[in-house]
C-alpha atoms as a PDB file:
ATOM      1  CA  MET A   1       0.126  -0.146   0.048  1.00  0.00           C
ATOM      2  CA  ILE A   2       3.205   2.412   1.028  1.00  0.00           C
ATOM      3  CA  LEU A   3       4.970   1.494  -1.947  1.00  0.00           C
ATOM      4  CA  HIS A   4       1.870   1.838  -4.046  1.00  0.00           C
ATOM      5  CA  LYS A   5       1.198   5.646  -3.030  1.00  0.00           C
ATOM      6  CA  ARG A   6       4.603   5.995  -3.457  1.00  0.00           C
ATOM      7  CA  ILE A   7       4.678   5.298  -6.907  1.00  0.00           C
ATOM      8  CA  LEU A   8       1.410   6.959  -7.238  1.00  0.00           C
ATOM      9  CA  LYS A   9       2.799  10.414  -6.178  1.00  0.00           C
ATOM     10  CA  LEU A  10       5.962  10.262  -8.166  1.00  0.00           C
ATOM     11  CA  THR A  11       3.648   9.906 -11.350  1.00  0.00           C
ATOM     12  CA  MET A  12       1.422  12.561 -10.175  1.00  0.00           C
ATOM     13  CA  LEU A  13       4.997  14.805  -9.739  1.00  0.00           C
ATOM     14  CA  ALA A  14       6.248  13.512 -13.417  1.00  0.00           C
ATOM     15  CA  CYS A  15       2.661  14.493 -15.204  1.00  0.00           C
ATOM     16  CA  CYS A  16       3.177  17.904 -13.235  1.00  0.00           C
ATOM     17  CA  TRP A  17       6.488  18.316 -14.144  1.00  0.00           C
ATOM     18  CA  LEU A  18       5.912  17.535 -18.151  1.00  0.00           C
ATOM     19  CA  SER A  19       3.259  19.611 -18.032  1.00  0.00           C
ATOM     20  CA  LEU A  20       4.826  22.608 -16.456  1.00  0.00           C
ATOM     21  CA  SER A  21       7.982  22.059 -19.409  1.00  0.00           C
ATOM     22  CA  ALA A  22       4.972  22.336 -21.911  1.00  0.00           C
ATOM     23  CA  VAL A  23       3.647  25.326 -20.281  1.00  0.00           C
ATOM     24  CA  ALA A  24       7.198  27.181 -20.157  1.00  0.00           C
ATOM     25  CA  ALA A  25       8.005  25.982 -23.841  1.00  0.00           C
ATOM     26  CA  LEU A  26       5.281  27.903 -25.175  1.00  0.00           C
ATOM     27  CA  ALA A  27       5.165  30.453 -22.350  1.00  0.00           C
ATOM     28  CA  HIS A  28       7.987  32.635 -24.322  1.00  0.00           C
ATOM     29  CA  PRO A  29       7.763  34.271 -26.805  1.00  0.00           C
ATOM     30  CA  HIS A  30       3.612  34.471 -27.888  1.00  0.00           C
ATOM     31  CA  ILE A  31       3.301  34.475 -31.867  1.00  0.00           C
ATOM     32  CA  LEU A  32       0.237  34.943 -32.934  1.00  0.00           C
ATOM     33  CA  ARG A  33       0.337  33.877 -37.072  1.00  0.00           C
ATOM     34  CA  ALA A  34      -2.107  36.231 -38.682  1.00  0.00           C
ATOM     35  CA  THR A  35      -3.650  34.095 -41.665  1.00  0.00           C
ATOM     36  CA  ASP A  36      -5.775  31.769 -38.899  1.00  0.00           C
ATOM     37  CA  GLN A  37      -4.747  33.966 -35.098  1.00  0.00           C
ATOM     38  CA  LYS A  38      -3.837  30.709 -33.853  1.00  0.00           C
ATOM     39  CA  GLU A  39      -0.705  30.793 -32.089  1.00  0.00           C
ATOM     40  CA  ILE A  40       2.190  29.059 -32.626  1.00  0.00           C
ATOM     41  CA  ALA A  41       5.171  27.968 -31.503  1.00  0.00           C
ATOM     42  CA  ALA A  42       8.872  29.347 -31.894  1.00  0.00           C
ATOM     43  CA  GLU A  43      10.463  27.039 -34.119  1.00  0.00           C
ATOM     44  CA  GLU A  44       7.435  26.987 -36.565  1.00  0.00           C
ATOM     45  CA  LEU A  45       8.231  30.777 -37.113  1.00  0.00           C
ATOM     46  CA  LEU A  46      11.258  30.393 -38.230  1.00  0.00           C
ATOM     47  CA  ARG A  47      11.133  27.310 -40.105  1.00  0.00           C
ATOM     48  CA  ASP A  48       8.993  29.711 -42.313  1.00  0.00           C
ATOM     49  CA  LEU A  49      11.008  32.518 -42.090  1.00  0.00           C
ATOM     50  CA  ALA A  50      13.629  30.558 -43.538  1.00  0.00           C
ATOM     51  CA  THR A  51      12.221  29.817 -46.767  1.00  0.00           C
ATOM     52  CA  VAL A  52      12.053  33.584 -47.479  1.00  0.00           C
ATOM     53  CA  GLN A  53      14.501  36.403 -48.709  1.00  0.00           C
ATOM     54  CA  VAL A  54      13.634  39.682 -46.727  1.00  0.00           C
ATOM     55  CA  ILE A  55      11.605  39.470 -43.180  1.00  0.00           C
ATOM     56  CA  PHE A  56      11.136  42.897 -42.147  1.00  0.00           C
ATOM     57  CA  ILE A  57      10.653  42.965 -38.472  1.00  0.00           C
ATOM     58  CA  GLY A  58       8.751  46.192 -36.730  1.00  0.00           C
ATOM     59  CA  GLU A  59       9.545  47.811 -33.612  1.00  0.00           C
ATOM     60  CA  LEU A  60       8.984  50.994 -31.852  1.00  0.00           C
ATOM     61  CA  HIS A  61      12.368  52.482 -31.748  1.00  0.00           C
ATOM     62  CA  ASP A  62      12.242  53.527 -27.688  1.00  0.00           C
ATOM     63  CA  HIS A  63      11.118  49.507 -26.922  1.00  0.00           C
ATOM     64  CA  ALA A  64      13.778  47.602 -25.925  1.00  0.00           C
ATOM     65  CA  GLY A  65      11.768  44.284 -25.878  1.00  0.00           C
ATOM     66  CA  HIS A  66      11.223  44.896 -29.683  1.00  0.00           C
ATOM     67  CA  HIS A  67      14.923  44.862 -30.144  1.00  0.00           C
ATOM     68  CA  GLN A  68      15.435  41.704 -27.879  1.00  0.00           C
ATOM     69  CA  ALA A  69      12.452  40.215 -30.126  1.00  0.00           C
ATOM     70  CA  GLN A  70      14.866  41.622 -33.303  1.00  0.00           C
ATOM     71  CA  LEU A  71      18.019  40.017 -31.949  1.00  0.00           C
ATOM     72  CA  SER A  72      16.539  36.692 -31.263  1.00  0.00           C
ATOM     73  CA  ILE A  73      15.507  36.197 -35.108  1.00  0.00           C
ATOM     74  CA  ILE A  74      18.768  37.446 -35.684  1.00  0.00           C
ATOM     75  CA  ARG A  75      20.474  35.180 -33.832  1.00  0.00           C
ATOM     76  CA  ALA A  76      18.257  32.164 -35.503  1.00  0.00           C
ATOM     77  CA  LEU A  77      18.464  32.665 -38.769  1.00  0.00           C
ATOM     78  CA  GLN A  78      22.146  32.919 -38.260  1.00  0.00           C
ATOM     79  CA  LYS A  79      22.676  29.793 -37.998  1.00  0.00           C
ATOM     80  CA  ASP A  80      21.829  28.902 -41.404  1.00  0.00           C
ATOM     81  CA  ARG A  81      23.945  28.155 -43.967  1.00  0.00           C
ATOM     82  CA  GLN A  82      23.114  31.382 -46.408  1.00  0.00           C
ATOM     83  CA  PRO A  83      24.335  34.735 -45.566  1.00  0.00           C
ATOM     84  CA  LEU A  84      22.373  36.949 -43.681  1.00  0.00           C
ATOM     85  CA  ALA A  85      22.361  41.010 -43.988  1.00  0.00           C
ATOM     86  CA  ILE A  86      20.593  43.655 -41.977  1.00  0.00           C
ATOM     87  CA  GLY A  87      18.680  46.442 -43.397  1.00  0.00           C
ATOM     88  CA  LEU A  88      18.797  49.169 -41.365  1.00  0.00           C
ATOM     89  CA  GLU A  89      16.180  52.432 -41.364  1.00  0.00           C
ATOM     90  CA  MET A  90      18.373  53.640 -38.842  1.00  0.00           C
ATOM     91  CA  PHE A  91      21.504  54.672 -41.320  1.00  0.00           C
ATOM     92  CA  ARG A  92      21.443  56.890 -44.450  1.00  0.00           C
ATOM     93  CA  LYS A  93      22.818  54.671 -47.951  1.00  0.00           C
ATOM     94  CA  ASP A  94      25.324  57.537 -47.904  1.00  0.00           C
ATOM     95  CA  SER A  95      26.746  56.157 -44.519  1.00  0.00           C
ATOM     96  CA  GLN A  96      27.407  52.949 -45.613  1.00  0.00           C
ATOM     97  CA  ALA A  97      31.136  53.032 -45.398  1.00  0.00           C
ATOM     98  CA  ALA A  98      30.723  53.703 -41.820  1.00  0.00           C
ATOM     99  CA  LEU A  99      28.917  50.281 -41.455  1.00  0.00           C
ATOM    100  CA  ASP A 100      31.080  48.386 -43.143  1.00  0.00           C
ATOM    101  CA  ARG A 101      34.222  49.438 -41.543  1.00  0.00           C
ATOM    102  CA  TRP A 102      32.115  48.729 -38.346  1.00  0.00           C
ATOM    103  CA  VAL A 103      31.785  45.021 -39.398  1.00  0.00           C
ATOM    104  CA  GLY A 104      34.832  44.576 -41.124  1.00  0.00           C
ATOM    105  CA  GLY A 105      36.378  45.409 -37.055  1.00  0.00           C
ATOM    106  CA  SER A 106      38.729  48.259 -38.733  1.00  0.00           C
ATOM    107  CA  TYR A 107      36.449  50.961 -36.763  1.00  0.00           C
ATOM    108  CA  SER A 108      36.761  51.654 -33.126  1.00  0.00           C
ATOM    109  CA  LEU A 109      33.546  52.384 -31.240  1.00  0.00           C
ATOM    110  CA  ASN A 110      34.118  55.991 -30.384  1.00  0.00           C
ATOM    111  CA  ASN A 111      34.573  56.523 -34.295  1.00  0.00           C
ATOM    112  CA  PHE A 112      31.502  54.201 -35.209  1.00  0.00           C
ATOM    113  CA  LEU A 113      29.201  56.464 -32.679  1.00  0.00           C
ATOM    114  CA  LYS A 114      29.881  59.643 -34.246  1.00  0.00           C
ATOM    115  CA  ASP A 115      28.625  58.219 -37.596  1.00  0.00           C
ATOM    116  CA  TYR A 116      25.788  56.200 -35.342  1.00  0.00           C
ATOM    117  CA  HIS A 117      24.442  59.273 -34.006  1.00  0.00           C
ATOM    118  CA  ASP A 118      24.856  61.226 -37.290  1.00  0.00           C
ATOM    119  CA  ASN A 119      22.380  58.341 -38.286  1.00  0.00           C
ATOM    120  CA  TRP A 120      20.406  57.957 -35.316  1.00  0.00           C
ATOM    121  CA  SER A 121      19.812  58.133 -31.398  1.00  0.00           C
ATOM    122  CA  MET A 122      19.467  55.655 -28.776  1.00  0.00           C
ATOM    123  CA  TRP A 123      22.526  53.512 -28.694  1.00  0.00           C
ATOM    124  CA  GLU A 124      22.061  51.588 -25.304  1.00  0.00           C
ATOM    125  CA  LYS A 125      18.833  50.270 -27.029  1.00  0.00           C
ATOM    126  CA  TYR A 126      20.574  48.688 -30.918  1.00  0.00           C
ATOM    127  CA  ARG A 127      23.922  47.988 -28.934  1.00  0.00           C
ATOM    128  CA  GLU A 128      23.009  44.201 -28.574  1.00  0.00           C
ATOM    129  CA  ILE A 129      22.066  44.409 -32.654  1.00  0.00           C
ATOM    130  CA  PHE A 130      25.157  46.033 -34.084  1.00  0.00           C
ATOM    131  CA  GLU A 131      27.765  44.186 -31.549  1.00  0.00           C
ATOM    132  CA  TYR A 132      26.172  40.722 -32.662  1.00  0.00           C
ATOM    133  CA  ALA A 133      26.507  41.787 -36.250  1.00  0.00           C
ATOM    134  CA  LYS A 134      30.107  42.936 -36.010  1.00  0.00           C
ATOM    135  CA  GLY A 135      31.033  39.314 -34.083  1.00  0.00           C
ATOM    136  CA  GLN A 136      29.733  37.536 -36.509  1.00  0.00           C
ATOM    137  CA  LYS A 137      30.488  39.818 -39.574  1.00  0.00           C
ATOM    138  CA  ILE A 138      26.861  40.106 -40.417  1.00  0.00           C
ATOM    139  CA  GLN A 139      26.686  42.682 -43.347  1.00  0.00           C
ATOM    140  CA  LEU A 140      24.657  46.073 -42.037  1.00  0.00           C
ATOM    141  CA  VAL A 141      22.787  47.782 -44.956  1.00  0.00           C
ATOM    142  CA  GLY A 142      21.687  51.516 -44.573  1.00  0.00           C
ATOM    143  CA  LEU A 143      18.590  52.380 -46.347  1.00  0.00           C
ATOM    144  CA  ASN A 144      17.688  55.804 -45.318  1.00  0.00           C
ATOM    145  CA  ILE A 145      17.532  59.220 -47.176  1.00  0.00           C
ATOM    146  CA  PRO A 146      18.944  61.803 -45.826  1.00  0.00           C
ATOM    147  CA  ARG A 147      16.634  63.348 -43.217  1.00  0.00           C
ATOM    148  CA  GLU A 148      16.436  66.653 -44.445  1.00  0.00           C
ATOM    149  CA  ILE A 149      15.129  65.406 -47.272  1.00  0.00           C
ATOM    150  CA  SER A 150      11.856  63.795 -45.774  1.00  0.00           C
ATOM    151  CA  LYS A 151      11.222  66.751 -43.222  1.00  0.00           C
ATOM    152  CA  LYS A 152      11.071  69.109 -45.906  1.00  0.00           C
ATOM    153  CA  VAL A 153       8.323  66.576 -47.715  1.00  0.00           C
ATOM    154  CA  ALA A 154       6.768  66.874 -44.286  1.00  0.00           C
ATOM    155  CA  ARG A 155       6.814  70.585 -43.869  1.00  0.00           C
ATOM    156  CA  GLN A 156       6.088  71.410 -47.621  1.00  0.00           C
ATOM    157  CA  GLY A 157       5.275  68.521 -49.957  1.00  0.00           C
ATOM    158  CA  PHE A 158       7.062  66.421 -52.419  1.00  0.00           C
ATOM    159  CA  ALA A 159       6.586  68.854 -54.938  1.00  0.00           C
ATOM    160  CA  ALA A 160       8.741  71.933 -52.669  1.00  0.00           C
ATOM    161  CA  LEU A 161      12.279  70.047 -52.928  1.00  0.00           C
ATOM    162  CA  PRO A 162      15.140  70.998 -55.685  1.00  0.00           C
ATOM    163  CA  GLU A 163      14.855  69.642 -58.723  1.00  0.00           C
ATOM    164  CA  GLN A 164      18.862  68.772 -58.046  1.00  0.00           C
ATOM    165  CA  GLN A 165      17.500  66.887 -55.126  1.00  0.00           C
ATOM    166  CA  ARG A 166      14.678  64.880 -57.055  1.00  0.00           C
ATOM    167  CA  GLN A 167      17.114  64.070 -59.386  1.00  0.00           C
ATOM    168  CA  ALA A 168      19.360  62.599 -56.960  1.00  0.00           C
ATOM    169  CA  LEU A 169      16.382  60.556 -55.856  1.00  0.00           C
ATOM    170  CA  GLY A 170      16.314  59.599 -58.801  1.00  0.00           C
ATOM    171  CA  ASN A 171      12.433  59.114 -60.912  1.00  0.00           C
ATOM    172  CA  VAL A 172      10.414  58.691 -57.687  1.00  0.00           C
ATOM    173  CA  GLN A 173       6.726  59.173 -57.788  1.00  0.00           C
ATOM    174  CA  CYS A 174       5.251  60.690 -54.649  1.00  0.00           C
ATOM    175  CA  ILE A 175       1.303  59.677 -55.646  1.00  0.00           C
ATOM    176  CA  VAL A 176      -0.599  59.530 -52.093  1.00  0.00           C
ATOM    177  CA  ASN A 177      -4.116  57.693 -52.896  1.00  0.00           C
ATOM    178  CA  PRO A 178      -6.659  57.156 -50.302  1.00  0.00           C
ATOM    179  CA  GLU A 179      -5.665  53.536 -49.313  1.00  0.00           C
ATOM    180  CA  TYR A 180      -2.190  54.851 -48.382  1.00  0.00           C
ATOM    181  CA  GLY A 181      -3.897  57.735 -46.554  1.00  0.00           C
ATOM    182  CA  ASP A 182      -6.153  54.932 -44.591  1.00  0.00           C
ATOM    183  CA  PHE A 183      -2.885  53.130 -43.838  1.00  0.00           C
ATOM    184  CA  ILE A 184      -0.688  55.707 -42.237  1.00  0.00           C
ATOM    185  CA  ARG A 185      -3.713  56.903 -39.835  1.00  0.00           C
ATOM    186  CA  ARG A 186      -4.265  53.499 -39.027  1.00  0.00           C
ATOM    187  CA  ALA A 187      -0.790  52.487 -38.196  1.00  0.00           C
ATOM    188  CA  MET A 188      -0.682  55.848 -36.167  1.00  0.00           C
ATOM    189  CA  GLY A 189      -3.378  54.662 -34.111  1.00  0.00           C
ATOM    190  CA  GLY A 190      -6.595  56.646 -35.815  1.00  0.00           C
ATOM    191  CA  HIS A 191      -4.424  59.573 -35.876  1.00  0.00           C
ATOM    192  CA  GLY A 192      -3.203  62.018 -38.835  1.00  0.00           C
ATOM    193  CA  GLY A 193      -5.989  64.526 -39.572  1.00  0.00           C
ATOM    194  CA  HIS A 194      -6.573  65.594 -43.327  1.00  0.00           C
ATOM    195  CA  GLY A 195      -5.993  68.224 -45.785  1.00  0.00           C
ATOM    196  CA  GLN A 196      -3.052  69.238 -47.173  1.00  0.00           C
ATOM    197  CA  GLN A 197      -0.322  68.735 -44.390  1.00  0.00           C
ATOM    198  CA  TYR A 198      -1.785  65.578 -43.930  1.00  0.00           C
ATOM    199  CA  LEU A 199      -0.901  65.322 -47.272  1.00  0.00           C
ATOM    200  CA  PHE A 200       2.162  66.520 -46.905  1.00  0.00           C
ATOM    201  CA  PHE A 201       2.900  63.713 -44.330  1.00  0.00           C
ATOM    202  CA  CYS A 202       1.646  61.156 -46.115  1.00  0.00           C
ATOM    203  CA  GLU A 203       3.952  61.497 -48.688  1.00  0.00           C
ATOM    204  CA  ALA A 204       6.754  61.729 -46.980  1.00  0.00           C
ATOM    205  CA  GLN A 205       6.244  59.001 -45.182  1.00  0.00           C
ATOM    206  CA  LEU A 206       5.790  57.400 -49.065  1.00  0.00           C
ATOM    207  CA  LEU A 207       8.923  59.305 -50.358  1.00  0.00           C
ATOM    208  CA  TRP A 208      10.634  57.443 -47.123  1.00  0.00           C
ATOM    209  CA  ASP A 209       8.877  53.881 -47.642  1.00  0.00           C
ATOM    210  CA  THR A 210      10.167  53.883 -51.856  1.00  0.00           C
ATOM    211  CA  MET A 211      13.758  55.004 -51.356  1.00  0.00           C
ATOM    212  CA  MET A 212      14.448  52.622 -48.513  1.00  0.00           C
ATOM    213  CA  ALA A 213      12.467  49.912 -50.778  1.00  0.00           C
ATOM    214  CA  ARG A 214      14.583  50.929 -53.917  1.00  0.00           C
ATOM    215  CA  ASN A 215      18.048  50.684 -51.859  1.00  0.00           C
ATOM    216  CA  LEU A 216      17.334  47.672 -50.366  1.00  0.00           C
ATOM    217  CA  VAL A 217      16.186  46.251 -54.074  1.00  0.00           C
ATOM    218  CA  ASP A 218      19.886  47.837 -54.964  1.00  0.00           C
ATOM    219  CA  PHE A 219      21.621  45.542 -52.814  1.00  0.00           C
ATOM    220  CA  LEU A 220      19.712  42.674 -53.358  1.00  0.00           C
ATOM    221  CA  ARG A 221      20.529  42.596 -56.850  1.00  0.00           C
ATOM    222  CA  LEU A 222      23.991  43.193 -56.212  1.00  0.00           C
ATOM    223  CA  ASN A 223      24.019  40.210 -53.828  1.00  0.00           C
ATOM    224  CA  PRO A 224      21.330  37.950 -54.513  1.00  0.00           C
ATOM    225  CA  GLN A 225      22.717  34.994 -52.293  1.00  0.00           C
ATOM    226  CA  HIS A 226      21.340  37.154 -49.172  1.00  0.00           C
ATOM    227  CA  ARG A 227      18.447  37.136 -46.733  1.00  0.00           C
ATOM    228  CA  VAL A 228      18.119  39.996 -45.224  1.00  0.00           C
ATOM    229  CA  VAL A 229      16.507  40.948 -42.191  1.00  0.00           C
ATOM    230  CA  VAL A 230      15.329  44.497 -42.226  1.00  0.00           C
ATOM    231  CA  LEU A 231      14.560  46.715 -38.872  1.00  0.00           C
ATOM    232  CA  ALA A 232      12.254  49.639 -39.576  1.00  0.00           C
ATOM    233  CA  GLY A 233       9.704  51.233 -37.218  1.00  0.00           C
ATOM    234  CA  SER A 234       6.313  49.278 -37.354  1.00  0.00           C
ATOM    235  CA  GLY A 235       4.456  51.973 -39.637  1.00  0.00           C
ATOM    236  CA  HIS A 236       7.076  51.190 -42.724  1.00  0.00           C
ATOM    237  CA  ALA A 237       7.643  47.267 -41.964  1.00  0.00           C
ATOM    238  CA  TRP A 238       3.753  46.881 -43.166  1.00  0.00           C
ATOM    239  CA  LYS A 239       3.136  45.416 -45.876  1.00  0.00           C
ATOM    240  CA  PHE A 240       1.334  48.838 -47.219  1.00  0.00           C
ATOM    241  CA  GLY A 241       5.019  50.410 -46.056  1.00  0.00           C
ATOM    242  CA  ILE A 242       8.590  49.296 -47.251  1.00  0.00           C
ATOM    243  CA  PRO A 243       6.787  45.802 -48.739  1.00  0.00           C
ATOM    244  CA  ARG A 244       4.670  46.982 -51.048  1.00  0.00           C
ATOM    245  CA  GLN A 245       7.311  49.195 -53.006  1.00  0.00           C
ATOM    246  CA  LEU A 246       9.597  46.773 -52.755  1.00  0.00           C
ATOM    247  CA  LEU A 247       6.662  44.640 -54.585  1.00  0.00           C
ATOM    248  CA  GLU A 248       6.956  46.982 -57.021  1.00  0.00           C
ATOM    249  CA  GLN A 249      10.155  46.949 -58.114  1.00  0.00           C
ATOM    250  CA  MET A 250      11.183  43.385 -57.861  1.00  0.00           C
ATOM    251  CA  GLU A 251       9.252  39.706 -57.341  1.00  0.00           C
ATOM    252  CA  ILE A 252      10.695  38.665 -54.358  1.00  0.00           C
ATOM    253  CA  THR A 253       9.397  36.725 -51.312  1.00  0.00           C
ATOM    254  CA  TYR A 254       9.118  38.175 -47.841  1.00  0.00           C
ATOM    255  CA  ARG A 255       7.693  38.194 -44.598  1.00  0.00           C
ATOM    256  CA  VAL A 256       6.272  40.619 -42.125  1.00  0.00           C
ATOM    257  CA  ILE A 257       6.517  40.040 -38.182  1.00  0.00           C
ATOM    258  CA  LEU A 258       4.919  43.355 -36.012  1.00  0.00           C
ATOM    259  CA  PRO A 259       4.893  43.987 -32.187  1.00  0.00           C
ATOM    260  CA  GLU A 260       2.087  43.859 -30.807  1.00  0.00           C
ATOM    261  CA  ILE A 261       1.027  47.654 -29.990  1.00  0.00           C
ATOM    262  CA  ASP A 262      -2.298  49.241 -28.505  1.00  0.00           C
ATOM    263  CA  ASN A 263      -4.128  51.271 -30.439  1.00  0.00           C
ATOM    264  CA  ARG A 264      -1.880  50.138 -33.665  1.00  0.00           C
ATOM    265  CA  VAL A 265      -1.728  46.336 -33.917  1.00  0.00           C
ATOM    266  CA  SER A 266      -3.101  44.135 -31.731  1.00  0.00           C
ATOM    267  CA  ARG A 267      -4.473  40.204 -31.397  1.00  0.00           C
ATOM    268  CA  THR A 268      -7.544  41.438 -32.095  1.00  0.00           C
ATOM    269  CA  SER A 269      -7.078  43.557 -34.948  1.00  0.00           C
ATOM    270  CA  ILE A 270      -4.385  41.705 -36.712  1.00  0.00           C
ATOM    271  CA  ASP A 271      -4.856  40.179 -40.320  1.00  0.00           C
ATOM    272  CA  SER A 272      -2.661  38.743 -43.187  1.00  0.00           C
ATOM    273  CA  ASP A 273      -2.837  42.337 -45.487  1.00  0.00           C
ATOM    274  CA  VAL A 274      -1.030  44.183 -42.876  1.00  0.00           C
ATOM    275  CA  ALA A 275       1.947  41.330 -41.573  1.00  0.00           C
ATOM    276  CA  ASP A 276       2.151  37.730 -40.986  1.00  0.00           C
ATOM    277  CA  TYR A 277       2.923  37.355 -37.689  1.00  0.00           C
ATOM    278  CA  LEU A 278       2.298  39.091 -34.884  1.00  0.00           C
ATOM    279  CA  TRP A 279       5.112  38.988 -31.724  1.00  0.00           C
ATOM    280  CA  LEU A 280       2.222  39.352 -28.593  1.00  0.00           C
ATOM    281  CA  ASP A 281       3.690  41.837 -26.087  1.00  0.00           C
ATOM    282  CA  GLU A 282       3.415  39.290 -23.227  1.00  0.00           C
ATOM    283  CA  GLY A 283       6.119  41.117 -20.364  1.00  0.00           C
ATOM    284  CA  GLU A 284       9.660  42.118 -20.743  1.00  0.00           C
ATOM    285  CA  ASP A 285      10.904  38.665 -20.156  1.00  0.00           C
ATOM    286  CA  GLY A 286       8.221  37.836 -23.735  1.00  0.00           C
ATOM    287  CA  TRP A 287      10.843  39.142 -26.434  1.00  0.00           C
ATOM    288  CA  THR A 288      13.280  36.319 -26.765  1.00  0.00           C
ATOM    289  CA  PHE A 289      13.152  32.584 -27.818  1.00  0.00           C
END
């Protein structure tokens, strides 16, 4: 009888341990597939990402968890045999030489930080990604355009750009249709307004998306063997943003992963027109594999 009770107790403990292990395996992260709004395991996400060439991962720039999620995916994909590159909204294309020197190991941190702060801010939020890229020799690709151009368009419209600047951008069409205007408003959580000033703001966003897509295409045509993870603000990473402009310029396979952001994209509003996967906000420890 005593032996029977001990066996029963051990069996219950084993079952409890297995149940807790299964829960722990699913606890971090929480990935929602947009097509059926089903939560999937990280392994299933990574298997799918390994079948495409470009992966967009959205972010709120000041959210440390979003950058942890990005780095988790980058680390996982780096294990694959296909060469990996990281496309950056955070760096202009004309700063590519600084990125190359950093990854190549010929640039000190102090020197690199001068270029970094000339392009972006919040170094501590991005530091691990840049250091991992350097340590693993992962090519970093600047995708952005000079800030003064996008700011001028946002204030005065695309037509206000001097002819010389428009020529330097190439044959860019900056025509905002109602669908794009609605997308920008949705990506901003329902804000945005109407009228000419809102139109100018949308033109700036469209120019931004178009040029980042073009710079990505330039890299892919020179490096067709690479898989690219693109890090960009949540709105730019939506399918209506850079991905749509990318598809207009080349035929490519891609996926979009967005973090859950209140009033913008959530588990109750996600659909496959916006993204392929939603990384659910389940606390600070829920942003890594």
